[in-house]
């Protein structure tokens, strides 16, 4: 098939469930950042099936990484709260108490 023949073929129009995802729609559906959604859509092309599988795998990988970090560095709720407030806790004393 020559380039001229290819150009004369009707364009495929996607409708409904076969239409490629919009990045914002995909990000919202899977709880992704917009940038993560854009990357997954670019890498997996217009296939919704491939993109859905990639998003599930990505979310599982992120959850696994978070579980590993949690078990490698467990923190008590007080330590977490103090860390969020920017205070340093050392052997039960808060730096501002010294």
Protein backbone atom coordinates (compact mmCIF):
# COMPACT_ATOMS: atom_id res chain seq x y z
CA UNK A 1 0.00 0.00 0.00
CA UNK A 2 1.42 3.35 -1.00
CA UNK A 3 1.30 6.47 1.13
CA UNK A 4 -1.41 7.88 -1.14
CA UNK A 5 -3.61 4.80 -0.60
CA UNK A 6 -3.06 4.99 3.13
CA UNK A 7 -4.03 8.66 3.20
CA UNK A 8 -7.33 7.90 1.41
CA UNK A 9 -8.44 5.35 4.00
CA UNK A 10 -11.07 6.58 6.43
CA UNK A 11 -9.76 7.56 9.84
CA UNK A 12 -10.70 5.38 12.78
CA UNK A 13 -13.06 7.12 15.14
CA UNK A 14 -13.09 5.85 18.68
CA UNK A 15 -16.36 5.93 20.56
CA UNK A 16 -17.43 4.96 24.04
CA UNK A 17 -15.37 2.30 25.77
CA UNK A 18 -12.95 1.98 22.85
CA UNK A 19 -11.91 5.66 23.00
CA UNK A 20 -8.45 6.32 24.44
CA UNK A 21 -8.36 7.77 27.94
CA UNK A 22 -7.94 11.46 28.57
CA UNK A 23 -5.09 11.90 31.08
CA UNK A 24 -7.27 13.62 33.69
CA UNK A 25 -9.96 10.91 33.46
CA UNK A 26 -7.35 8.15 33.77
CA UNK A 27 -5.63 9.86 36.70
CA UNK A 28 -8.91 10.27 38.57
CA UNK A 29 -10.04 6.69 37.91
CA UNK A 30 -6.86 5.18 39.39
CA UNK A 31 -5.86 7.85 41.92
CA UNK A 32 -2.72 8.82 39.99
CA UNK A 33 -1.00 12.14 39.63
CA UNK A 34 -1.60 13.75 36.26
CA UNK A 35 2.07 13.24 35.31
CA UNK A 36 1.96 9.52 36.21
CA UNK A 37 -1.20 9.13 34.16
CA UNK A 38 0.37 10.86 31.16
CA UNK A 39 3.43 8.60 31.33
CA UNK A 40 1.36 5.40 31.60
CA UNK A 41 -0.86 6.47 28.70
CA UNK A 42 2.14 7.34 26.53
CA UNK A 43 3.94 4.07 27.24
CA UNK A 44 0.88 1.84 26.77
CA UNK A 45 -0.73 3.57 23.80
CA UNK A 46 -4.46 3.97 23.21
CA UNK A 47 -5.47 0.51 24.49
CA UNK A 48 -7.70 0.91 27.52
CA UNK A 49 -7.05 -2.71 28.49
CA UNK A 50 -3.28 -2.19 28.51
CA UNK A 51 -3.57 1.14 30.34
CA UNK A 52 -5.91 -0.33 32.98
CA UNK A 53 -3.50 -3.22 33.60
CA UNK A 54 -0.53 -0.83 33.80
CA UNK A 55 -2.32 1.41 36.30
CA UNK A 56 -3.20 -1.54 38.53
CA UNK A 57 0.40 -2.78 38.39
CA UNK A 58 1.74 0.72 39.10
CA UNK A 59 -0.55 1.19 42.11
CA UNK A 60 0.41 -2.25 43.47
CA UNK A 61 4.12 -1.42 43.07
CA UNK A 62 3.65 1.86 44.95
CA UNK A 63 1.73 0.08 47.73
CA UNK A 64 4.46 -2.56 48.00
CA UNK A 65 7.15 0.10 48.22
CA UNK A 66 5.20 1.90 50.95
CA UNK A 67 4.77 -1.34 52.92
CA UNK A 68 8.51 -2.03 52.68
CA UNK A 69 9.34 1.48 53.86
CA UNK A 70 6.87 1.13 56.73
CA UNK A 71 8.41 -2.13 57.98
CA UNK A 72 11.99 -0.88 57.48
CA UNK A 73 11.39 2.31 59.45
CA UNK A 74 8.45 1.90 61.84
CA UNK A 75 7.58 5.05 63.73
CA UNK A 76 5.23 5.45 66.63
CA UNK A 77 2.27 7.81 66.14
CA UNK A 78 3.92 10.36 68.46
CA UNK A 79 7.13 10.32 66.41
CA UNK A 80 5.13 10.77 63.22
CA UNK A 81 3.17 13.67 64.68
CA UNK A 82 6.32 15.36 65.94
CA UNK A 83 8.05 14.83 62.60
CA UNK A 84 5.13 16.47 60.83
CA UNK A 85 5.41 19.46 63.12
CA UNK A 86 9.15 19.73 62.47
CA UNK A 87 10.24 18.90 66.01
CA UNK A 88 13.11 16.58 66.80
CA UNK A 89 12.39 13.82 69.33
CA UNK A 90 15.37 12.18 71.00
CA UNK A 91 14.97 9.64 73.81
CA UNK A 92 11.53 10.96 74.72
CA UNK A 93 12.59 14.62 74.95
CA UNK A 94 11.41 17.22 72.48
CA UNK A 95 14.18 19.58 71.42
CA UNK A 96 12.16 22.60 72.53
CA UNK A 97 11.99 21.12 76.09
CA UNK A 98 15.80 21.21 76.49
